Amino acid sequence: MIRLEEILTPERILADVQGCSKKRVLEQIARLVAGNQPGLDAQEIFESLVAREKLGSTGFGHGIAIPHCRLAGCNTPLGALLRLVTPIDFDAIDGEPVDLLFVLIVPQAATDQHLELLRQIASLLDQETIRNRLRQANSSQELYQTVVESQSGQA
């Protein structure tokens, strides 16, 4: 079973991101992921994330969104984590604005793996103590450490 710290790198974690709208944040996510993955195109990632959002918001509740998509040309699951300075409307199921986004991009055919990673992300972010630690982290590195420690049961 693949674990979250295997798909997340410190380079794909950003604290204190300015995001004025859902669309702008998805654009930033696409650039972030494509920026350190040769062969992936930011515009293609953006369009795939937007297409998935059109099927239904990935706003999870508690100020959390889990934007995700399948992507041709992606060979391995990729994760990113962003914390926004100011929460934005993300059409979340509880109506709350979103300030934490855990992004998942998986290969086109990764059905079971995709669902398992989404389950792990949802389970992690459903914990109030983890959400609080992510919101209080002083840096991108602290955000990364929070996820890694939570996966090894130290959170």
N, C-alpha and C. Protein backbone atom coordinates (compact mmCIF):
# COMPACT_ATOMS: atom_id res chain seq x y z
N MET A 1 0.85 -1.19 0.00
CA MET A 1 0.00 0.00 0.00
C MET A 1 0.89 1.25 0.00
N ILE A 2 0.57 2.15 -0.88
CA ILE A 2 1.32 3.41 -0.96
C ILE A 2 0.86 4.34 0.16
N ARG A 3 1.80 5.10 0.71
CA ARG A 3 1.49 6.01 1.82
C ARG A 3 1.65 7.45 1.37
N LEU A 4 0.98 8.34 2.09
CA LEU A 4 0.97 9.75 1.69
C LEU A 4 2.36 10.36 1.61
N GLU A 5 3.25 10.01 2.53
CA GLU A 5 4.57 10.63 2.47
C GLU A 5 5.37 10.17 1.26
N GLU A 6 4.92 9.10 0.58
CA GLU A 6 5.58 8.64 -0.63
C GLU A 6 5.17 9.48 -1.86
N ILE A 7 4.04 10.16 -1.78
CA ILE A 7 3.57 10.94 -2.93
C ILE A 7 3.78 12.44 -2.74
N LEU A 8 4.18 12.82 -1.54
CA LEU A 8 4.33 14.22 -1.19
C LEU A 8 5.82 14.54 -1.05
N THR A 9 6.23 15.67 -1.58
CA THR A 9 7.61 16.11 -1.38
C THR A 9 7.57 17.52 -0.80
N PRO A 10 8.62 17.91 -0.08
CA PRO A 10 8.66 19.27 0.46
C PRO A 10 8.50 20.34 -0.62
N GLU A 11 8.93 20.06 -1.85
CA GLU A 11 8.82 21.03 -2.94
C GLU A 11 7.37 21.26 -3.37
N ARG A 12 6.49 20.32 -3.05
CA ARG A 12 5.09 20.45 -3.44
C ARG A 12 4.21 20.80 -2.25
N ILE A 13 4.80 21.47 -1.26
CA ILE A 13 4.04 21.95 -0.11
C ILE A 13 4.29 23.44 0.03
N LEU A 14 3.21 24.20 0.11
CA LEU A 14 3.35 25.64 0.23
C LEU A 14 2.47 26.16 1.37
N ALA A 15 3.08 26.93 2.24
CA ALA A 15 2.35 27.60 3.32
C ALA A 15 2.09 29.04 2.90
N ASP A 16 1.01 29.60 3.39
CA ASP A 16 0.70 31.02 3.21
C ASP A 16 0.60 31.44 1.75
N VAL A 17 -0.20 30.69 1.00
CA VAL A 17 -0.45 30.97 -0.41
C VAL A 17 -1.59 31.99 -0.52
N GLN A 18 -1.40 32.98 -1.39
CA GLN A 18 -2.47 33.94 -1.69
C GLN A 18 -3.37 33.28 -2.74
N GLY A 19 -4.63 33.18 -2.44
CA GLY A 19 -5.56 32.60 -3.39
C GLY A 19 -6.87 33.35 -3.35
N CYS A 20 -7.20 34.02 -4.43
CA CYS A 20 -8.41 34.85 -4.39
C CYS A 20 -9.64 34.10 -4.89
N SER A 21 -9.44 32.98 -5.58
CA SER A 21 -10.58 32.21 -6.09
C SER A 21 -10.18 30.76 -6.28
N LYS A 22 -11.20 29.92 -6.40
CA LYS A 22 -10.97 28.50 -6.65
C LYS A 22 -10.13 28.30 -7.91
N LYS A 23 -10.48 29.02 -8.98
CA LYS A 23 -9.77 28.88 -10.25
C LYS A 23 -8.30 29.26 -10.10
N ARG A 24 -8.01 30.37 -9.44
CA ARG A 24 -6.62 30.82 -9.26
C ARG A 24 -5.82 29.81 -8.44
N VAL A 25 -6.45 29.26 -7.42
CA VAL A 25 -5.75 28.27 -6.59
C VAL A 25 -5.47 27.00 -7.39
N LEU A 26 -6.41 26.58 -8.21
CA LEU A 26 -6.18 25.39 -9.05
C LEU A 26 -5.05 25.66 -10.05
N GLU A 27 -4.97 26.89 -10.56
CA GLU A 27 -3.85 27.25 -11.46
C GLU A 27 -2.52 27.16 -10.72
N GLN A 28 -2.49 27.66 -9.48
CA GLN A 28 -1.25 27.60 -8.70
C GLN A 28 -0.85 26.15 -8.43
N ILE A 29 -1.82 25.33 -8.11
CA ILE A 29 -1.56 23.91 -7.87
C ILE A 29 -0.95 23.28 -9.11
N ALA A 30 -1.56 23.54 -10.26
CA ALA A 30 -1.07 22.94 -11.51
C ALA A 30 0.37 23.36 -11.80
N ARG A 31 0.68 24.64 -11.59
CA ARG A 31 2.06 25.10 -11.81
C ARG A 31 3.02 24.46 -10.81
N LEU A 32 2.59 24.34 -9.57
CA LEU A 32 3.42 23.74 -8.53
C LEU A 32 3.77 22.29 -8.87
N VAL A 33 2.77 21.53 -9.25
CA VAL A 33 2.99 20.11 -9.55
C VAL A 33 3.83 19.95 -10.82
N ALA A 34 3.49 20.70 -11.87
CA ALA A 34 4.22 20.58 -13.13
C ALA A 34 5.66 21.07 -13.00
N GLY A 35 5.88 22.01 -12.09
CA GLY A 35 7.19 22.63 -11.94
C GLY A 35 8.31 21.68 -11.59
N ASN A 36 7.99 20.58 -10.89
CA ASN A 36 9.07 19.65 -10.55
C ASN A 36 8.81 18.25 -11.10
N GLN A 37 7.96 18.18 -12.11
CA GLN A 37 7.68 16.89 -12.75
C GLN A 37 7.85 17.03 -14.26
N PRO A 38 9.06 16.78 -14.75
CA PRO A 38 9.28 16.87 -16.20
C PRO A 38 8.26 15.99 -16.94
N GLY A 39 7.76 16.52 -18.02
CA GLY A 39 6.81 15.75 -18.82
C GLY A 39 5.36 16.04 -18.50
N LEU A 40 5.10 16.72 -17.38
CA LEU A 40 3.72 17.10 -17.07
C LEU A 40 3.50 18.55 -17.40
N ASP A 41 2.34 18.84 -17.96
CA ASP A 41 2.02 20.18 -18.42
C ASP A 41 1.05 20.85 -17.45
N ALA A 42 1.40 22.05 -16.99
CA ALA A 42 0.58 22.76 -16.01
C ALA A 42 -0.83 23.01 -16.54
N GLN A 43 -0.96 23.36 -17.80
CA GLN A 43 -2.29 23.64 -18.36
C GLN A 43 -3.15 22.37 -18.38
N GLU A 44 -2.53 21.24 -18.71
CA GLU A 44 -3.26 19.97 -18.72
C GLU A 44 -3.70 19.57 -17.31
N ILE A 45 -2.84 19.79 -16.33
CA ILE A 45 -3.20 19.50 -14.94
C ILE A 45 -4.35 20.40 -14.51
N PHE A 46 -4.23 21.69 -14.81
CA PHE A 46 -5.28 22.65 -14.46
C PHE A 46 -6.62 22.24 -15.07
N GLU A 47 -6.62 21.93 -16.37
CA GLU A 47 -7.87 21.54 -17.04
C GLU A 47 -8.46 20.27 -16.45
N SER A 48 -7.62 19.32 -16.06
CA SER A 48 -8.10 18.08 -15.45
C SER A 48 -8.70 18.35 -14.07
N LEU A 49 -8.06 19.21 -13.29
CA LEU A 49 -8.60 19.57 -11.97
C LEU A 49 -9.94 20.30 -12.10
N VAL A 50 -10.02 21.23 -13.05
CA VAL A 50 -11.27 21.97 -13.27
C VAL A 50 -12.38 21.02 -13.72
N ALA A 51 -12.04 20.11 -14.63
CA ALA A 51 -13.04 19.14 -15.12
C ALA A 51 -13.57 18.30 -13.95
N ARG A 52 -12.68 17.89 -13.05
CA ARG A 52 -13.13 17.11 -11.90
C ARG A 52 -14.02 17.94 -10.99
N GLU A 53 -13.69 19.21 -10.78
CA GLU A 53 -14.51 20.09 -9.94
C GLU A 53 -15.91 20.27 -10.53
N LYS A 54 -16.01 20.25 -11.86
CA LYS A 54 -17.32 20.42 -12.51
C LYS A 54 -18.23 19.23 -12.22
N LEU A 55 -17.65 18.08 -11.91
CA LEU A 55 -18.44 16.89 -11.55
C LEU A 55 -19.02 17.03 -10.15
N GLY A 56 -18.41 17.85 -9.34
CA GLY A 56 -18.83 18.05 -7.95
C GLY A 56 -17.65 18.59 -7.17
N SER A 57 -17.92 19.50 -6.27
CA SER A 57 -16.84 20.12 -5.52
C SER A 57 -16.06 19.08 -4.72
N THR A 58 -14.76 19.31 -4.62
CA THR A 58 -13.91 18.46 -3.78
C THR A 58 -13.73 19.10 -2.40
N GLY A 59 -14.56 20.10 -2.10
CA GLY A 59 -14.57 20.68 -0.76
C GLY A 59 -15.11 19.66 0.22
N PHE A 60 -14.29 19.27 1.16
CA PHE A 60 -14.51 18.12 2.04
C PHE A 60 -15.22 18.52 3.33
N GLY A 61 -15.13 19.80 3.68
CA GLY A 61 -15.68 20.27 4.94
C GLY A 61 -14.55 20.63 5.90
N HIS A 62 -14.86 21.36 6.97
CA HIS A 62 -13.87 21.77 7.97
C HIS A 62 -12.76 22.63 7.38
N GLY A 63 -13.05 23.36 6.27
CA GLY A 63 -12.03 24.20 5.65
C GLY A 63 -11.04 23.45 4.79
N ILE A 64 -11.40 22.23 4.41
CA ILE A 64 -10.51 21.34 3.65
C ILE A 64 -11.07 21.10 2.25
N ALA A 65 -10.19 21.05 1.26
CA ALA A 65 -10.56 20.58 -0.08
C ALA A 65 -9.52 19.56 -0.51
N ILE A 66 -9.97 18.60 -1.29
CA ILE A 66 -9.07 17.57 -1.80
C ILE A 66 -9.22 17.52 -3.32
N PRO A 67 -8.71 18.55 -4.01
CA PRO A 67 -8.76 18.52 -5.47
C PRO A 67 -7.97 17.31 -5.98
N HIS A 68 -8.55 16.59 -6.93
CA HIS A 68 -7.86 15.42 -7.45
C HIS A 68 -8.30 15.15 -8.88
N CYS A 69 -7.44 14.43 -9.60
CA CYS A 69 -7.77 14.05 -10.98
C CYS A 69 -6.86 12.91 -11.42
N ARG A 70 -7.30 12.27 -12.46
CA ARG A 70 -6.47 11.30 -13.17
C ARG A 70 -5.86 12.04 -14.35
N LEU A 71 -4.63 11.65 -14.68
CA LEU A 71 -3.91 12.41 -15.70
C LEU A 71 -3.10 11.48 -16.60
N ALA A 72 -3.38 11.56 -17.90
CA ALA A 72 -2.56 10.82 -18.86
C ALA A 72 -1.14 11.39 -18.79
N GLY A 73 -0.15 10.54 -18.88
CA GLY A 73 1.23 11.00 -18.82
C GLY A 73 1.80 11.02 -17.41
N CYS A 74 0.94 10.88 -16.42
CA CYS A 74 1.39 10.79 -15.02
C CYS A 74 1.71 9.33 -14.75
N ASN A 75 2.93 9.05 -14.30
CA ASN A 75 3.35 7.66 -14.11
C ASN A 75 3.21 7.16 -12.69
N THR A 76 3.12 8.07 -11.74
CA THR A 76 3.05 7.70 -10.34
C THR A 76 2.18 8.73 -9.62
N PRO A 77 1.48 8.34 -8.56
CA PRO A 77 0.66 9.32 -7.86
C PRO A 77 1.51 10.47 -7.31
N LEU A 78 0.95 11.68 -7.38
CA LEU A 78 1.63 12.88 -6.90
C LEU A 78 0.70 13.62 -5.96
N GLY A 79 1.27 14.12 -4.88
CA GLY A 79 0.48 14.90 -3.94
C GLY A 79 1.08 16.28 -3.76
N ALA A 80 0.24 17.21 -3.35
CA ALA A 80 0.67 18.57 -3.01
C ALA A 80 -0.21 19.05 -1.87
N LEU A 81 0.32 19.95 -1.07
CA LEU A 81 -0.43 20.50 0.05
C LEU A 81 -0.24 22.00 0.06
N LEU A 82 -1.34 22.73 0.13
CA LEU A 82 -1.30 24.19 0.19
C LEU A 82 -2.11 24.68 1.37
N ARG A 83 -1.57 25.68 2.04
CA ARG A 83 -2.34 26.37 3.07
C ARG A 83 -2.49 27.81 2.61
N LEU A 84 -3.73 28.26 2.54
CA LEU A 84 -4.02 29.60 2.06
C LEU A 84 -3.98 30.61 3.20
N VAL A 85 -3.56 31.82 2.88
CA VAL A 85 -3.56 32.91 3.85
C VAL A 85 -5.00 33.24 4.25
N THR A 86 -5.86 33.37 3.25
CA THR A 86 -7.26 33.71 3.45
C THR A 86 -8.12 32.62 2.84
N PRO A 87 -9.02 32.03 3.62
CA PRO A 87 -9.89 30.98 3.08
C PRO A 87 -10.72 31.49 1.90
N ILE A 88 -10.99 30.58 0.96
CA ILE A 88 -11.78 30.92 -0.23
C ILE A 88 -13.00 30.01 -0.32
N ASP A 89 -14.00 30.47 -1.04
CA ASP A 89 -15.18 29.65 -1.30
C ASP A 89 -14.79 28.52 -2.24
N PHE A 90 -15.11 27.30 -1.85
CA PHE A 90 -14.76 26.15 -2.67
C PHE A 90 -15.98 25.26 -2.89
N ASP A 91 -17.16 25.81 -2.61
CA ASP A 91 -18.40 25.05 -2.73
C ASP A 91 -18.35 23.77 -1.89
N ALA A 92 -17.76 23.87 -0.70
CA ALA A 92 -17.61 22.71 0.17
C ALA A 92 -18.97 22.21 0.66
N ILE A 93 -19.03 20.94 1.03
CA ILE A 93 -20.30 20.35 1.44
C ILE A 93 -20.88 21.00 2.68
N ASP A 94 -20.04 21.58 3.54
CA ASP A 94 -20.56 22.25 4.74
C ASP A 94 -20.68 23.77 4.56
N GLY A 95 -20.37 24.26 3.34
CA GLY A 95 -20.49 25.68 3.06
C GLY A 95 -19.35 26.53 3.61
N GLU A 96 -18.41 25.92 4.33
CA GLU A 96 -17.29 26.66 4.92
C GLU A 96 -16.23 26.98 3.86
N PRO A 97 -15.61 28.15 3.94
CA PRO A 97 -14.50 28.45 3.03
C PRO A 97 -13.31 27.54 3.34
N VAL A 98 -12.45 27.37 2.34
CA VAL A 98 -11.34 26.41 2.40
C VAL A 98 -10.02 27.14 2.57
N ASP A 99 -9.18 26.65 3.49
CA ASP A 99 -7.82 27.18 3.62
C ASP A 99 -6.75 26.10 3.52
N LEU A 100 -7.14 24.82 3.56
CA LEU A 100 -6.19 23.72 3.41
C LEU A 100 -6.59 22.88 2.20
N LEU A 101 -5.65 22.68 1.29
CA LEU A 101 -5.91 21.88 0.11
C LEU A 101 -4.86 20.79 -0.01
N PHE A 102 -5.32 19.55 -0.03
CA PHE A 102 -4.44 18.41 -0.26
C PHE A 102 -4.79 17.90 -1.64
N VAL A 103 -3.84 17.98 -2.55
CA VAL A 103 -4.07 17.67 -3.96
C VAL A 103 -3.55 16.28 -4.29
N LEU A 104 -4.30 15.56 -5.12
CA LEU A 104 -3.88 14.24 -5.55
C LEU A 104 -4.03 14.13 -7.06
N ILE A 105 -2.94 13.76 -7.71
CA ILE A 105 -2.94 13.52 -9.15
C ILE A 105 -2.41 12.11 -9.36
N VAL A 106 -3.19 11.30 -10.07
CA VAL A 106 -2.83 9.90 -10.24
C VAL A 106 -2.81 9.53 -11.72
N PRO A 107 -2.10 8.44 -12.05
CA PRO A 107 -2.12 7.96 -13.44
C PRO A 107 -3.55 7.63 -13.88
N GLN A 108 -3.77 7.69 -15.17
CA GLN A 108 -5.09 7.46 -15.75
C GLN A 108 -5.74 6.16 -15.26
N ALA A 109 -4.97 5.09 -15.11
CA ALA A 109 -5.55 3.78 -14.78
C ALA A 109 -5.45 3.39 -13.30
N ALA A 110 -5.11 4.31 -12.44
CA ALA A 110 -4.83 3.96 -11.03
C ALA A 110 -6.08 3.96 -10.14
N THR A 111 -7.11 3.22 -10.53
CA THR A 111 -8.40 3.28 -9.82
C THR A 111 -8.30 2.92 -8.35
N ASP A 112 -7.84 1.70 -8.04
CA ASP A 112 -7.78 1.27 -6.63
C ASP A 112 -6.82 2.13 -5.83
N GLN A 113 -5.67 2.42 -6.41
CA GLN A 113 -4.66 3.25 -5.75
C GLN A 113 -5.21 4.65 -5.49
N HIS A 114 -5.91 5.20 -6.45
CA HIS A 114 -6.52 6.52 -6.35
C HIS A 114 -7.50 6.55 -5.17
N LEU A 115 -8.37 5.56 -5.11
CA LEU A 115 -9.37 5.51 -4.04
C LEU A 115 -8.71 5.31 -2.68
N GLU A 116 -7.68 4.50 -2.60
CA GLU A 116 -6.99 4.27 -1.33
C GLU A 116 -6.30 5.54 -0.85
N LEU A 117 -5.66 6.27 -1.76
CA LEU A 117 -5.00 7.52 -1.38
C LEU A 117 -6.02 8.57 -0.96
N LEU A 118 -7.13 8.66 -1.66
CA LEU A 118 -8.19 9.59 -1.25
C LEU A 118 -8.71 9.24 0.15
N ARG A 119 -8.85 7.94 0.43
CA ARG A 119 -9.29 7.51 1.74
C ARG A 119 -8.29 7.94 2.81
N GLN A 120 -7.00 7.74 2.53
CA GLN A 120 -5.96 8.13 3.50
C GLN A 120 -5.98 9.64 3.75
N ILE A 121 -6.12 10.42 2.67
CA ILE A 121 -6.14 11.89 2.81
C ILE A 121 -7.35 12.31 3.63
N ALA A 122 -8.52 11.77 3.29
CA ALA A 122 -9.74 12.13 4.01
C ALA A 122 -9.64 11.74 5.48
N SER A 123 -9.09 10.57 5.76
CA SER A 123 -8.93 10.10 7.13
C SER A 123 -7.98 11.01 7.91
N LEU A 124 -6.89 11.41 7.28
CA LEU A 124 -5.92 12.30 7.91
C LEU A 124 -6.57 13.65 8.24
N LEU A 125 -7.23 14.23 7.26
CA LEU A 125 -7.76 15.58 7.42
C LEU A 125 -9.07 15.61 8.21
N ASP A 126 -9.62 14.47 8.48
CA ASP A 126 -10.83 14.40 9.30
C ASP A 126 -10.48 14.56 10.78
N GLN A 127 -9.19 14.47 11.11
CA GLN A 127 -8.73 14.59 12.50
C GLN A 127 -8.51 16.07 12.84
N GLU A 128 -9.26 16.54 13.81
CA GLU A 128 -9.18 17.96 14.18
C GLU A 128 -7.77 18.34 14.62
N THR A 129 -7.08 17.46 15.35
CA THR A 129 -5.73 17.79 15.82
C THR A 129 -4.77 17.98 14.65
N ILE A 130 -4.92 17.18 13.61
CA ILE A 130 -4.06 17.32 12.43
C ILE A 130 -4.38 18.63 11.71
N ARG A 131 -5.67 18.92 11.53
CA ARG A 131 -6.04 20.18 10.87
C ARG A 131 -5.48 21.37 11.64
N ASN A 132 -5.58 21.33 12.95
CA ASN A 132 -5.05 22.43 13.77
C ASN A 132 -3.54 22.56 13.61
N ARG A 133 -2.83 21.44 13.60
CA ARG A 133 -1.37 21.49 13.43
C ARG A 133 -1.00 22.05 12.07
N LEU A 134 -1.75 21.66 11.03
CA LEU A 134 -1.47 22.19 9.69
C LEU A 134 -1.72 23.69 9.64
N ARG A 135 -2.77 24.14 10.30
CA ARG A 135 -3.08 25.56 10.29
C ARG A 135 -2.10 26.38 11.11
N GLN A 136 -1.49 25.77 12.11
CA GLN A 136 -0.56 26.50 12.98
C GLN A 136 0.89 26.37 12.56
N ALA A 137 1.17 25.54 11.57
CA ALA A 137 2.56 25.34 11.12
C ALA A 137 3.15 26.67 10.66
N ASN A 138 4.40 26.89 11.00
CA ASN A 138 5.07 28.15 10.67
C ASN A 138 5.76 28.15 9.31
N SER A 139 5.81 26.97 8.65
CA SER A 139 6.53 26.89 7.38
C SER A 139 6.02 25.71 6.56
N SER A 140 6.43 25.69 5.31
CA SER A 140 6.11 24.57 4.44
C SER A 140 6.73 23.28 5.01
N GLN A 141 7.94 23.38 5.55
CA GLN A 141 8.61 22.21 6.15
C GLN A 141 7.79 21.65 7.32
N GLU A 142 7.23 22.53 8.14
CA GLU A 142 6.39 22.07 9.25
C GLU A 142 5.13 21.39 8.76
N LEU A 143 4.56 21.89 7.67
CA LEU A 143 3.40 21.23 7.07
C LEU A 143 3.78 19.81 6.66
N TYR A 144 4.92 19.69 5.99
CA TYR A 144 5.40 18.37 5.53
C TYR A 144 5.61 17.44 6.72
N GLN A 145 6.28 17.94 7.76
CA GLN A 145 6.55 17.13 8.95
C GLN A 145 5.26 16.65 9.60
N THR A 146 4.25 17.50 9.63
CA THR A 146 2.97 17.12 10.23
C THR A 146 2.38 15.92 9.50
N VAL A 147 2.41 15.93 8.17
CA VAL A 147 1.88 14.81 7.40
C VAL A 147 2.71 13.55 7.64
N VAL A 148 4.03 13.67 7.58
CA VAL A 148 4.90 12.51 7.76
C VAL A 148 4.72 11.91 9.16
N GLU A 149 4.70 12.75 10.18
CA GLU A 149 4.54 12.26 11.54
C GLU A 149 3.18 11.61 11.74
N SER A 150 2.15 12.16 11.13
CA SER A 150 0.82 11.58 11.28
C SER A 150 0.77 10.19 10.66
N GLN A 151 1.52 9.97 9.60
CA GLN A 151 1.54 8.69 8.93
C GLN A 151 2.28 7.63 9.74
N SER A 152 3.21 8.08 10.57
CA SER A 152 3.95 7.11 11.38
C SER A 152 3.37 7.03 12.80
N GLY A 153 2.20 7.64 12.97
CA GLY A 153 1.50 7.52 14.25
C GLY A 153 2.04 8.40 15.35
N GLN A 154 2.84 9.43 14.99
CA GLN A 154 3.44 10.29 16.02
C GLN A 154 2.66 11.57 16.24
N ALA A 155 1.65 11.80 15.44
CA ALA A 155 0.92 13.08 15.53
C ALA A 155 0.01 13.11 16.74
